[in-house]
Amino acid sequence: AAARRMEDARAAIDLVSDAGLSLVLRAREGPVRAHLLERLALGERSV
């Protein structure tokens, strides 16, 4: 279940970058949030 949630989170981040969708990310400070925001920053669009 945890791996599924992580895959969904990554997919949601990619959809924001690729398709311009909107996302509520419930995540407090920590390595998981840092990883997802880094993935967001690596997208084609600047933030």
All heavy atoms as atom14 arrays in JSON, in Angstrom:
{
  "sequence": "AAARRMEDARAAIDLVSDAGLSLVLRAREGPVRAHLLERLALGERSV",
  "atom14_mask": [
    [1, 1, 1, 1, 1, 0, 0, 0, 0, 0, 0, 0, 0, 0],
    [1, 1, 1, 1, 1, 0, 0, 0, 0, 0, 0, 0, 0, 0],
    [1, 1, 1, 1, 1, 0, 0, 0, 0, 0, 0, 0, 0, 0],
    [1, 1, 1, 1, 1, 1, 1, 1, 1, 1, 1, 0, 0, 0],
    [1, 1, 1, 1, 1, 1, 1, 1, 1, 1, 1, 0, 0, 0],
    [1, 1, 1, 1, 1, 1, 1, 1, 0, 0, 0, 0, 0, 0],
    [1, 1, 1, 1, 1, 1, 1, 1, 1, 0, 0, 0, 0, 0],
    [1, 1, 1, 1, 1, 1, 1, 1, 0, 0, 0, 0, 0, 0],
    [1, 1, 1, 1, 1, 0, 0, 0, 0, 0, 0, 0, 0, 0],
    [1, 1, 1, 1, 1, 1, 1, 1, 1, 1, 1, 0, 0, 0],
    [1, 1, 1, 1, 1, 0, 0, 0, 0, 0, 0, 0, 0, 0],
    [1, 1, 1, 1, 1, 0, 0, 0, 0, 0, 0, 0, 0, 0],
    [1, 1, 1, 1, 1, 1, 1, 1, 0, 0, 0, 0, 0, 0],
    [1, 1, 1, 1, 1, 1, 1, 1, 0, 0, 0, 0, 0, 0],
    [1, 1, 1, 1, 1, 1, 1, 1, 0, 0, 0, 0, 0, 0],
    [1, 1, 1, 1, 1, 1, 1, 0, 0, 0, 0, 0, 0, 0],
    [1, 1, 1, 1, 1, 1, 0, 0, 0, 0, 0, 0, 0, 0],
    [1, 1, 1, 1, 1, 1, 1, 1, 0, 0, 0, 0, 0, 0],
    [1, 1, 1, 1, 1, 0, 0, 0, 0, 0, 0, 0, 0, 0],
    [1, 1, 1, 1, 0, 0, 0, 0, 0, 0, 0, 0, 0, 0],
    [1, 1, 1, 1, 1, 1, 1, 1, 0, 0, 0, 0, 0, 0],
    [1, 1, 1, 1, 1, 1, 0, 0, 0, 0, 0, 0, 0, 0],
    [1, 1, 1, 1, 1, 1, 1, 1, 0, 0, 0, 0, 0, 0],
    [1, 1, 1, 1, 1, 1, 1, 0, 0, 0, 0, 0, 0, 0],
    [1, 1, 1, 1, 1, 1, 1, 1, 0, 0, 0, 0, 0, 0],
    [1, 1, 1, 1, 1, 1, 1, 1, 1, 1, 1, 0, 0, 0],
    [1, 1, 1, 1, 1, 0, 0, 0, 0, 0, 0, 0, 0, 0],
    [1, 1, 1, 1, 1, 1, 1, 1, 1, 1, 1, 0, 0, 0],
    [1, 1, 1, 1, 1, 1, 1, 1, 1, 0, 0, 0, 0, 0],
    [1, 1, 1, 1, 0, 0, 0, 0, 0, 0, 0, 0, 0, 0],
    [1, 1, 1, 1, 1, 1, 1, 0, 0, 0, 0, 0, 0, 0],
    [1, 1, 1, 1, 1, 1, 1, 0, 0, 0, 0, 0, 0, 0],
    [1, 1, 1, 1, 1, 1, 1, 1, 1, 1, 1, 0, 0, 0],
    [1, 1, 1, 1, 1, 0, 0, 0, 0, 0, 0, 0, 0, 0],
    [1, 1, 1, 1, 1, 1, 1, 1, 1, 1, 0, 0, 0, 0],
    [1, 1, 1, 1, 1, 1, 1, 1, 0, 0, 0, 0, 0, 0],
    [1, 1, 1, 1, 1, 1, 1, 1, 0, 0, 0, 0, 0, 0],
    [1, 1, 1, 1, 1, 1, 1, 1, 1, 0, 0, 0, 0, 0],
    [1, 1, 1, 1, 1, 1, 1, 1, 1, 1, 1, 0, 0, 0],
    [1, 1, 1, 1, 1, 1, 1, 1, 0, 0, 0, 0, 0, 0],
    [1, 1, 1, 1, 1, 0, 0, 0, 0, 0, 0, 0, 0, 0],
    [1, 1, 1, 1, 1, 1, 1, 1, 0, 0, 0, 0, 0, 0],
    [1, 1, 1, 1, 0, 0, 0, 0, 0, 0, 0, 0, 0, 0],
    [1, 1, 1, 1, 1, 1, 1, 1, 1, 0, 0, 0, 0, 0],
    [1, 1, 1, 1, 1, 1, 1, 1, 1, 1, 1, 0, 0, 0],
    [1, 1, 1, 1, 1, 1, 0, 0, 0, 0, 0, 0, 0, 0],
    [1, 1, 1, 1, 1, 1, 1, 0, 0, 0, 0, 0, 0, 0]
  ],
  "atom14_positions": [
    [[0.83, -1.21, 0.0], [0.0, 0.0, 0.0], [0.86, 1.26, 0.0], [0.55, 2.24, -0.66], [-0.93, -0.01, 1.21], [0.0, 0.0, 0.0], [0.0, 0.0, 0.0], [0.0, 0.0, 0.0], [0.0, 0.0, 0.0], [0.0, 0.0, 0.0], [0.0, 0.0, 0.0], [0.0, 0.0, 0.0], [0.0, 0.0, 0.0], [0.0, 0.0, 0.0]],
    [[1.98, 1.22, 0.76], [2.87, 2.39, 0.81], [3.5, 2.65, -0.56], [3.61, 3.8, -1.0], [3.95, 2.18, 1.87], [0.0, 0.0, 0.0], [0.0, 0.0, 0.0], [0.0, 0.0, 0.0], [0.0, 0.0, 0.0], [0.0, 0.0, 0.0], [0.0, 0.0, 0.0], [0.0, 0.0, 0.0], [0.0, 0.0, 0.0], [0.0, 0.0, 0.0]],
    [[3.91, 1.58, -1.24], [4.5, 1.74, -2.57], [3.48, 2.29, -3.55], [3.8, 3.12, -4.4], [5.07, 0.41, -3.06], [0.0, 0.0, 0.0], [0.0, 0.0, 0.0], [0.0, 0.0, 0.0], [0.0, 0.0, 0.0], [0.0, 0.0, 0.0], [0.0, 0.0, 0.0], [0.0, 0.0, 0.0], [0.0, 0.0, 0.0], [0.0, 0.0, 0.0]],
    [[2.24, 1.82, -3.42], [1.18, 2.34, -4.28], [0.96, 3.83, -4.05], [0.82, 4.61, -5.0], [-0.11, 1.57, -4.0], [-1.36, 2.19, -4.58], [-1.42, 2.09, -6.07], [-1.73, 0.73, -6.48], [-1.83, 0.36, -7.76], [-1.61, 1.24, -8.71], [-2.12, -0.89, -8.08], [0.0, 0.0, 0.0], [0.0, 0.0, 0.0], [0.0, 0.0, 0.0]],
    [[0.95, 4.25, -2.78], [0.77, 5.67, -2.47], [1.92, 6.5, -3.02], [1.73, 7.61, -3.53], [0.64, 5.87, -0.97], [-0.66, 5.34, -0.37], [-0.62, 5.38, 1.13], [-0.44, 6.73, 1.62], [-0.04, 7.02, 2.85], [0.23, 6.05, 3.71], [0.09, 8.27, 3.24], [0.0, 0.0, 0.0], [0.0, 0.0, 0.0], [0.0, 0.0, 0.0]],
    [[3.14, 5.97, -2.9], [4.29, 6.71, -3.42], [4.22, 6.83, -4.93], [4.5, 7.89, -5.51], [5.59, 6.02, -3.01], [6.85, 6.71, -3.52], [6.95, 8.45, -3.01], [7.2, 8.24, -1.26], [0.0, 0.0, 0.0], [0.0, 0.0, 0.0], [0.0, 0.0, 0.0], [0.0, 0.0, 0.0], [0.0, 0.0, 0.0], [0.0, 0.0, 0.0]],
    [[3.8, 5.75, -5.61], [3.67, 5.82, -7.07], [2.6, 6.84, -7.46], [2.77, 7.6, -8.42], [3.32, 4.45, -7.64], [3.37, 4.47, -9.17], [2.55, 3.34, -9.77], [1.5, 3.01, -9.21], [2.95, 2.84, -10.81], [0.0, 0.0, 0.0], [0.0, 0.0, 0.0], [0.0, 0.0, 0.0], [0.0, 0.0, 0.0], [0.0, 0.0, 0.0]],
    [[1.48, 6.85, -6.74], [0.43, 7.82, -7.03], [0.94, 9.25, -6.82], [0.6, 10.15, -7.6], [-0.78, 7.57, -6.12], [-1.58, 6.35, -6.57], [-1.4, 5.91, -7.72], [-2.37, 5.84, -5.75], [0.0, 0.0, 0.0], [0.0, 0.0, 0.0], [0.0, 0.0, 0.0], [0.0, 0.0, 0.0], [0.0, 0.0, 0.0], [0.0, 0.0, 0.0]],
    [[1.72, 9.46, -5.76], [2.26, 10.8, -5.51], [3.19, 11.24, -6.64], [3.12, 12.38, -7.12], [2.99, 10.82, -4.17], [0.0, 0.0, 0.0], [0.0, 0.0, 0.0], [0.0, 0.0, 0.0], [0.0, 0.0, 0.0], [0.0, 0.0, 0.0], [0.0, 0.0, 0.0], [0.0, 0.0, 0.0], [0.0, 0.0, 0.0], [0.0, 0.0, 0.0]],
    [[4.04, 10.32, -7.07], [4.94, 10.66, -8.18], [4.15, 10.93, -9.46], [4.46, 11.86, -10.21], [5.93, 9.52, -8.39], [7.02, 9.45, -7.32], [7.79, 8.17, -7.44], [9.04, 8.21, -6.69], [9.72, 7.13, -6.33], [9.27, 5.94, -6.65], [10.84, 7.24, -5.65], [0.0, 0.0, 0.0], [0.0, 0.0, 0.0], [0.0, 0.0, 0.0]],
    [[3.14, 10.1, -9.71], [2.33, 10.31, -10.91], [1.61, 11.65, -10.86], [1.53, 12.36, -11.87], [1.32, 9.16, -11.05], [0.0, 0.0, 0.0], [0.0, 0.0, 0.0], [0.0, 0.0, 0.0], [0.0, 0.0, 0.0], [0.0, 0.0, 0.0], [0.0, 0.0, 0.0], [0.0, 0.0, 0.0], [0.0, 0.0, 0.0], [0.0, 0.0, 0.0]],
    [[1.1, 12.02, -9.69], [0.41, 13.3, -9.55], [1.36, 14.47, -9.81], [1.01, 15.44, -10.48], [-0.21, 13.42, -8.16], [0.0, 0.0, 0.0], [0.0, 0.0, 0.0], [0.0, 0.0, 0.0], [0.0, 0.0, 0.0], [0.0, 0.0, 0.0], [0.0, 0.0, 0.0], [0.0, 0.0, 0.0], [0.0, 0.0, 0.0], [0.0, 0.0, 0.0]],
    [[2.57, 14.38, -9.27], [3.58, 15.42, -9.51], [3.87, 15.55, -11.01], [3.94, 16.65, -11.56], [4.87, 15.1, -8.73], [4.65, 15.29, -7.23], [6.02, 15.96, -9.22], [4.46, 16.72, -6.8], [0.0, 0.0, 0.0], [0.0, 0.0, 0.0], [0.0, 0.0, 0.0], [0.0, 0.0, 0.0], [0.0, 0.0, 0.0], [0.0, 0.0, 0.0]],
    [[4.01, 14.42, -11.68], [4.3, 14.44, -13.11], [3.13, 15.03, -13.9], [3.33, 15.73, -14.9], [4.61, 13.04, -13.61], [5.92, 12.51, -13.04], [6.73, 13.33, -12.57], [6.13, 11.28, -13.05], [0.0, 0.0, 0.0], [0.0, 0.0, 0.0], [0.0, 0.0, 0.0], [0.0, 0.0, 0.0], [0.0, 0.0, 0.0], [0.0, 0.0, 0.0]],
    [[1.9, 14.75, -13.46], [0.74, 15.29, -14.17], [0.64, 16.8, -14.02], [0.17, 17.48, -14.93], [-0.54, 14.61, -13.67], [-0.71, 13.14, -14.02], [-2.01, 12.6, -13.46], [-0.65, 12.92, -15.53], [0.0, 0.0, 0.0], [0.0, 0.0, 0.0], [0.0, 0.0, 0.0], [0.0, 0.0, 0.0], [0.0, 0.0, 0.0], [0.0, 0.0, 0.0]],
    [[1.05, 17.32, -12.87], [1.08, 18.77, -12.72], [2.08, 19.38, -13.7], [1.8, 20.37, -14.37], [1.43, 19.16, -11.27], [1.55, 20.67, -11.14], [0.37, 18.66, -10.31], [0.0, 0.0, 0.0], [0.0, 0.0, 0.0], [0.0, 0.0, 0.0], [0.0, 0.0, 0.0], [0.0, 0.0, 0.0], [0.0, 0.0, 0.0], [0.0, 0.0, 0.0]],
    [[3.26, 18.75, -13.79], [4.31, 19.27, -14.68], [3.94, 19.12, -16.15], [4.15, 20.03, -16.94], [5.62, 18.54, -14.4], [6.04, 18.74, -13.07], [0.0, 0.0, 0.0], [0.0, 0.0, 0.0], [0.0, 0.0, 0.0], [0.0, 0.0, 0.0], [0.0, 0.0, 0.0], [0.0, 0.0, 0.0], [0.0, 0.0, 0.0], [0.0, 0.0, 0.0]],
    [[3.37, 17.97, -16.5], [3.13, 17.68, -17.92], [1.82, 18.25, -18.44], [1.74, 18.72, -19.58], [3.14, 16.16, -18.15], [4.47, 15.53, -17.8], [5.47, 16.28, -17.7], [4.51, 14.3, -17.59], [0.0, 0.0, 0.0], [0.0, 0.0, 0.0], [0.0, 0.0, 0.0], [0.0, 0.0, 0.0], [0.0, 0.0, 0.0], [0.0, 0.0, 0.0]],
    [[0.77, 18.17, -17.6], [-0.57, 18.54, -18.09], [-1.12, 19.79, -17.44], [-2.23, 20.22, -17.77], [-1.54, 17.37, -17.86], [0.0, 0.0, 0.0], [0.0, 0.0, 0.0], [0.0, 0.0, 0.0], [0.0, 0.0, 0.0], [0.0, 0.0, 0.0], [0.0, 0.0, 0.0], [0.0, 0.0, 0.0], [0.0, 0.0, 0.0], [0.0, 0.0, 0.0]],
    [[-0.39, 20.4, -16.5], [-0.87, 21.63, -15.87], [-2.07, 21.42, -14.96], [-2.87, 22.33, -14.78], [0.0, 0.0, 0.0], [0.0, 0.0, 0.0], [0.0, 0.0, 0.0], [0.0, 0.0, 0.0], [0.0, 0.0, 0.0], [0.0, 0.0, 0.0], [0.0, 0.0, 0.0], [0.0, 0.0, 0.0], [0.0, 0.0, 0.0], [0.0, 0.0, 0.0]],
    [[-2.2, 20.21, -14.35], [-3.31, 19.96, -13.43], [-3.02, 20.55, -12.07], [-1.91, 21.05, -11.81], [-3.57, 18.45, -13.32], [-4.0, 17.74, -14.61], [-4.27, 16.27, -14.34], [-5.23, 18.4, -15.21], [0.0, 0.0, 0.0], [0.0, 0.0, 0.0], [0.0, 0.0, 0.0], [0.0, 0.0, 0.0], [0.0, 0.0, 0.0], [0.0, 0.0, 0.0]],
    [[-4.01, 20.5, -11.18], [-3.85, 21.05, -9.83], [-3.8, 19.92, -8.82], [-4.45, 18.88, -9.0], [-5.0, 22.0, -9.51], [-6.25, 21.37, -9.7], [0.0, 0.0, 0.0], [0.0, 0.0, 0.0], [0.0, 0.0, 0.0], [0.0, 0.0, 0.0], [0.0, 0.0, 0.0], [0.0, 0.0, 0.0], [0.0, 0.0, 0.0], [0.0, 0.0, 0.0]],
    [[-3.04, 20.12, -7.74], [-2.78, 19.06, -6.77], [-2.7, 19.64, -5.37], [-2.06, 20.67, -5.15], [-1.46, 18.35, -7.1], [-0.85, 17.44, -6.04], [-1.73, 16.2, -5.84], [0.57, 17.04, -6.42], [0.0, 0.0, 0.0], [0.0, 0.0, 0.0], [0.0, 0.0, 0.0], [0.0, 0.0, 0.0], [0.0, 0.0, 0.0], [0.0, 0.0, 0.0]],
    [[-3.37, 18.96, -4.43], [-3.16, 19.22, -3.0], [-2.26, 18.11, -2.49], [-2.62, 16.94, -2.53], [-4.49, 19.23, -2.22], [-4.21, 19.4, -0.73], [-5.39, 20.34, -2.71], [0.0, 0.0, 0.0], [0.0, 0.0, 0.0], [0.0, 0.0, 0.0], [0.0, 0.0, 0.0], [0.0, 0.0, 0.0], [0.0, 0.0, 0.0], [0.0, 0.0, 0.0]],
    [[-1.09, 18.49, -2.02], [-0.1, 17.52, -1.51], [-0.02, 17.67, -0.01], [0.5, 18.66, 0.5], [1.26, 17.78, -2.16], [2.41, 16.86, -1.71], [2.12, 15.42, -2.11], [3.72, 17.33, -2.31], [0.0, 0.0, 0.0], [0.0, 0.0, 0.0], [0.0, 0.0, 0.0], [0.0, 0.0, 0.0], [0.0, 0.0, 0.0], [0.0, 0.0, 0.0]],
    [[-0.57, 16.71, 0.7], [-0.51, 16.75, 2.17], [0.78, 16.07, 2.6], [0.88, 14.84, 2.61], [-1.73, 16.06, 2.79], [-1.75, 16.21, 4.3], [-3.13, 15.93, 4.86], [-3.13, 16.17, 6.28], [-2.9, 15.22, 7.19], [-2.66, 13.98, 6.8], [-2.88, 15.49, 8.46], [0.0, 0.0, 0.0], [0.0, 0.0, 0.0], [0.0, 0.0, 0.0]],
    [[1.76, 16.87, 2.94], [3.08, 16.34, 3.29], [3.8, 17.34, 4.17], [3.9, 18.52, 3.83], [3.9, 16.07, 2.03], [0.0, 0.0, 0.0], [0.0, 0.0, 0.0], [0.0, 0.0, 0.0], [0.0, 0.0, 0.0], [0.0, 0.0, 0.0], [0.0, 0.0, 0.0], [0.0, 0.0, 0.0], [0.0, 0.0, 0.0], [0.0, 0.0, 0.0]],
    [[4.28, 16.87, 5.3], [5.05, 17.74, 6.18], [6.52, 17.65, 5.82], [6.93, 16.85, 4.99], [4.82, 17.32, 7.64], [3.34, 17.31, 7.99], [3.11, 16.94, 9.43], [1.7, 16.63, 9.66], [1.21, 16.33, 10.84], [1.98, 16.29, 11.9], [-0.08, 16.04, 10.97], [0.0, 0.0, 0.0], [0.0, 0.0, 0.0], [0.0, 0.0, 0.0]],
    [[7.33, 18.51, 6.45], [8.76, 18.54, 6.16], [9.36, 17.16, 6.39], [9.08, 16.49, 7.39], [9.46, 19.56, 7.06], [9.16, 21.01, 6.69], [9.87, 21.44, 5.41], [10.67, 20.63, 4.89], [9.61, 22.55, 4.95], [0.0, 0.0, 0.0], [0.0, 0.0, 0.0], [0.0, 0.0, 0.0], [0.0, 0.0, 0.0], [0.0, 0.0, 0.0]],
    [[10.21, 16.72, 5.46], [10.84, 15.42, 5.58], [11.38, 14.96, 4.25], [11.22, 15.63, 3.21], [0.0, 0.0, 0.0], [0.0, 0.0, 0.0], [0.0, 0.0, 0.0], [0.0, 0.0, 0.0], [0.0, 0.0, 0.0], [0.0, 0.0, 0.0], [0.0, 0.0, 0.0], [0.0, 0.0, 0.0], [0.0, 0.0, 0.0], [0.0, 0.0, 0.0]],
    [[12.02, 13.79, 4.23], [12.65, 13.31, 2.98], [11.64, 13.02, 1.88], [11.94, 13.2, 0.7], [13.38, 12.03, 3.43], [12.72, 11.62, 4.71], [12.28, 12.89, 5.36], [0.0, 0.0, 0.0], [0.0, 0.0, 0.0], [0.0, 0.0, 0.0], [0.0, 0.0, 0.0], [0.0, 0.0, 0.0], [0.0, 0.0, 0.0], [0.0, 0.0, 0.0]],
    [[10.45, 12.54, 2.23], [9.46, 12.23, 1.2], [9.02, 13.51, 0.5], [8.96, 13.58, -0.73], [8.25, 11.5, 1.82], [7.15, 11.31, 0.78], [8.68, 10.15, 2.36], [0.0, 0.0, 0.0], [0.0, 0.0, 0.0], [0.0, 0.0, 0.0], [0.0, 0.0, 0.0], [0.0, 0.0, 0.0], [0.0, 0.0, 0.0], [0.0, 0.0, 0.0]],
    [[8.71, 14.53, 1.28], [8.31, 15.81, 0.68], [9.44, 16.41, -0.13], [9.22, 16.92, -1.23], [7.87, 16.77, 1.78], [7.63, 18.19, 1.32], [6.97, 19.0, 2.4], [7.18, 20.42, 2.24], [6.69, 21.35, 3.04], [5.94, 20.99, 4.07], [6.93, 22.63, 2.84], [0.0, 0.0, 0.0], [0.0, 0.0, 0.0], [0.0, 0.0, 0.0]],
    [[10.67, 16.34, 0.38], [11.81, 16.87, -0.36], [11.99, 16.15, -1.69], [12.27, 16.77, -2.73], [13.08, 16.76, 0.49], [0.0, 0.0, 0.0], [0.0, 0.0, 0.0], [0.0, 0.0, 0.0], [0.0, 0.0, 0.0], [0.0, 0.0, 0.0], [0.0, 0.0, 0.0], [0.0, 0.0, 0.0], [0.0, 0.0, 0.0], [0.0, 0.0, 0.0]],
    [[11.79, 14.82, -1.68], [11.91, 14.05, -2.92], [10.86, 14.48, -3.94], [11.17, 14.66, -5.12], [11.77, 12.56, -2.59], [11.53, 11.7, -3.8], [12.54, 11.34, -4.68], [10.39, 11.14, -4.29], [12.02, 10.6, -5.65], [10.73, 10.46, -5.44], [0.0, 0.0, 0.0], [0.0, 0.0, 0.0], [0.0, 0.0, 0.0], [0.0, 0.0, 0.0]],
    [[9.63, 14.65, -3.49], [8.55, 15.0, -4.41], [8.74, 16.42, -4.96], [8.49, 16.67, -6.15], [7.21, 14.87, -3.71], [6.8, 13.44, -3.33], [5.5, 13.44, -2.54], [6.67, 12.57, -4.58], [0.0, 0.0, 0.0], [0.0, 0.0, 0.0], [0.0, 0.0, 0.0], [0.0, 0.0, 0.0], [0.0, 0.0, 0.0], [0.0, 0.0, 0.0]],
    [[9.16, 17.35, -4.1], [9.38, 18.72, -4.58], [10.57, 18.79, -5.53], [10.59, 19.59, -6.47], [9.57, 19.67, -3.4], [8.35, 19.88, -2.52], [8.63, 20.92, -1.45], [7.14, 20.31, -3.35], [0.0, 0.0, 0.0], [0.0, 0.0, 0.0], [0.0, 0.0, 0.0], [0.0, 0.0, 0.0], [0.0, 0.0, 0.0], [0.0, 0.0, 0.0]],
    [[11.57, 17.95, -5.29], [12.7, 17.89, -6.22], [12.24, 17.35, -7.58], [12.64, 17.85, -8.63], [13.8, 16.99, -5.66], [15.03, 16.9, -6.56], [16.08, 15.97, -5.98], [15.82, 15.35, -4.94], [17.16, 15.87, -6.58], [0.0, 0.0, 0.0], [0.0, 0.0, 0.0], [0.0, 0.0, 0.0], [0.0, 0.0, 0.0], [0.0, 0.0, 0.0]],
    [[11.36, 16.37, -7.54], [10.81, 15.83, -8.79], [9.98, 16.9, -9.5], [10.0, 17.01, -10.72], [9.95, 14.61, -8.47], [9.48, 13.83, -9.69], [8.59, 12.67, -9.27], [8.19, 11.83, -10.38], [8.81, 10.72, -10.76], [9.9, 10.33, -10.09], [8.39, 10.01, -11.78], [0.0, 0.0, 0.0], [0.0, 0.0, 0.0], [0.0, 0.0, 0.0]],
    [[9.28, 17.72, -8.71], [8.5, 18.81, -9.28], [9.41, 19.83, -9.95], [9.14, 20.33, -11.04], [7.67, 19.47, -8.18], [6.68, 20.56, -8.6], [5.56, 19.96, -9.42], [6.11, 21.24, -7.37], [0.0, 0.0, 0.0], [0.0, 0.0, 0.0], [0.0, 0.0, 0.0], [0.0, 0.0, 0.0], [0.0, 0.0, 0.0], [0.0, 0.0, 0.0]],
    [[10.52, 20.16, -9.29], [11.44, 21.16, -9.82], [12.15, 20.68, -11.08], [12.58, 21.48, -11.91], [12.47, 21.54, -8.76], [0.0, 0.0, 0.0], [0.0, 0.0, 0.0], [0.0, 0.0, 0.0], [0.0, 0.0, 0.0], [0.0, 0.0, 0.0], [0.0, 0.0, 0.0], [0.0, 0.0, 0.0], [0.0, 0.0, 0.0], [0.0, 0.0, 0.0]],
    [[12.25, 19.36, -11.25], [12.92, 18.82, -12.42], [12.02, 18.77, -13.64], [12.44, 18.36, -14.71], [13.44, 17.4, -12.11], [14.56, 17.31, -11.08], [14.91, 15.86, -10.8], [15.79, 18.08, -11.53], [0.0, 0.0, 0.0], [0.0, 0.0, 0.0], [0.0, 0.0, 0.0], [0.0, 0.0, 0.0], [0.0, 0.0, 0.0], [0.0, 0.0, 0.0]],
    [[10.75, 19.14, -13.44], [9.81, 19.15, -14.57], [10.19, 20.21, -15.59], [11.09, 21.04, -15.4], [0.0, 0.0, 0.0], [0.0, 0.0, 0.0], [0.0, 0.0, 0.0], [0.0, 0.0, 0.0], [0.0, 0.0, 0.0], [0.0, 0.0, 0.0], [0.0, 0.0, 0.0], [0.0, 0.0, 0.0], [0.0, 0.0, 0.0], [0.0, 0.0, 0.0]],
    [[9.47, 20.18, -16.68], [9.79, 21.1, -17.77], [9.44, 22.55, -17.4], [10.04, 23.48, -17.92], [9.02, 20.7, -19.03], [9.43, 19.33, -19.58], [8.67, 18.97, -20.83], [7.86, 19.81, -21.28], [8.89, 17.88, -21.37], [0.0, 0.0, 0.0], [0.0, 0.0, 0.0], [0.0, 0.0, 0.0], [0.0, 0.0, 0.0], [0.0, 0.0, 0.0]],
    [[8.47, 22.77, -16.53], [8.02, 24.11, -16.21], [8.75, 24.62, -14.97], [9.02, 23.87, -14.05], [6.51, 24.13, -15.96], [5.69, 23.61, -17.13], [4.22, 23.6, -16.77], [3.42, 22.93, -17.77], [2.91, 23.51, -18.84], [3.12, 24.78, -19.05], [2.19, 22.83, -19.71], [0.0, 0.0, 0.0], [0.0, 0.0, 0.0], [0.0, 0.0, 0.0]],
    [[9.07, 25.91, -14.94], [9.64, 26.51, -13.75], [8.53, 26.78, -12.74], [7.35, 26.74, -13.06], [10.37, 27.82, -14.1], [9.48, 28.71, -14.74], [0.0, 0.0, 0.0], [0.0, 0.0, 0.0], [0.0, 0.0, 0.0], [0.0, 0.0, 0.0], [0.0, 0.0, 0.0], [0.0, 0.0, 0.0], [0.0, 0.0, 0.0], [0.0, 0.0, 0.0]],
    [[8.93, 27.05, -11.5], [7.98, 27.12, -10.39], [8.03, 28.5, -9.75], [9.12, 29.04, -9.51], [8.29, 26.03, -9.34], [7.31, 26.11, -8.18], [8.26, 24.66, -9.98], [0.0, 0.0, 0.0], [0.0, 0.0, 0.0], [0.0, 0.0, 0.0], [0.0, 0.0, 0.0], [0.0, 0.0, 0.0], [0.0, 0.0, 0.0], [0.0, 0.0, 0.0]]
  ]
}
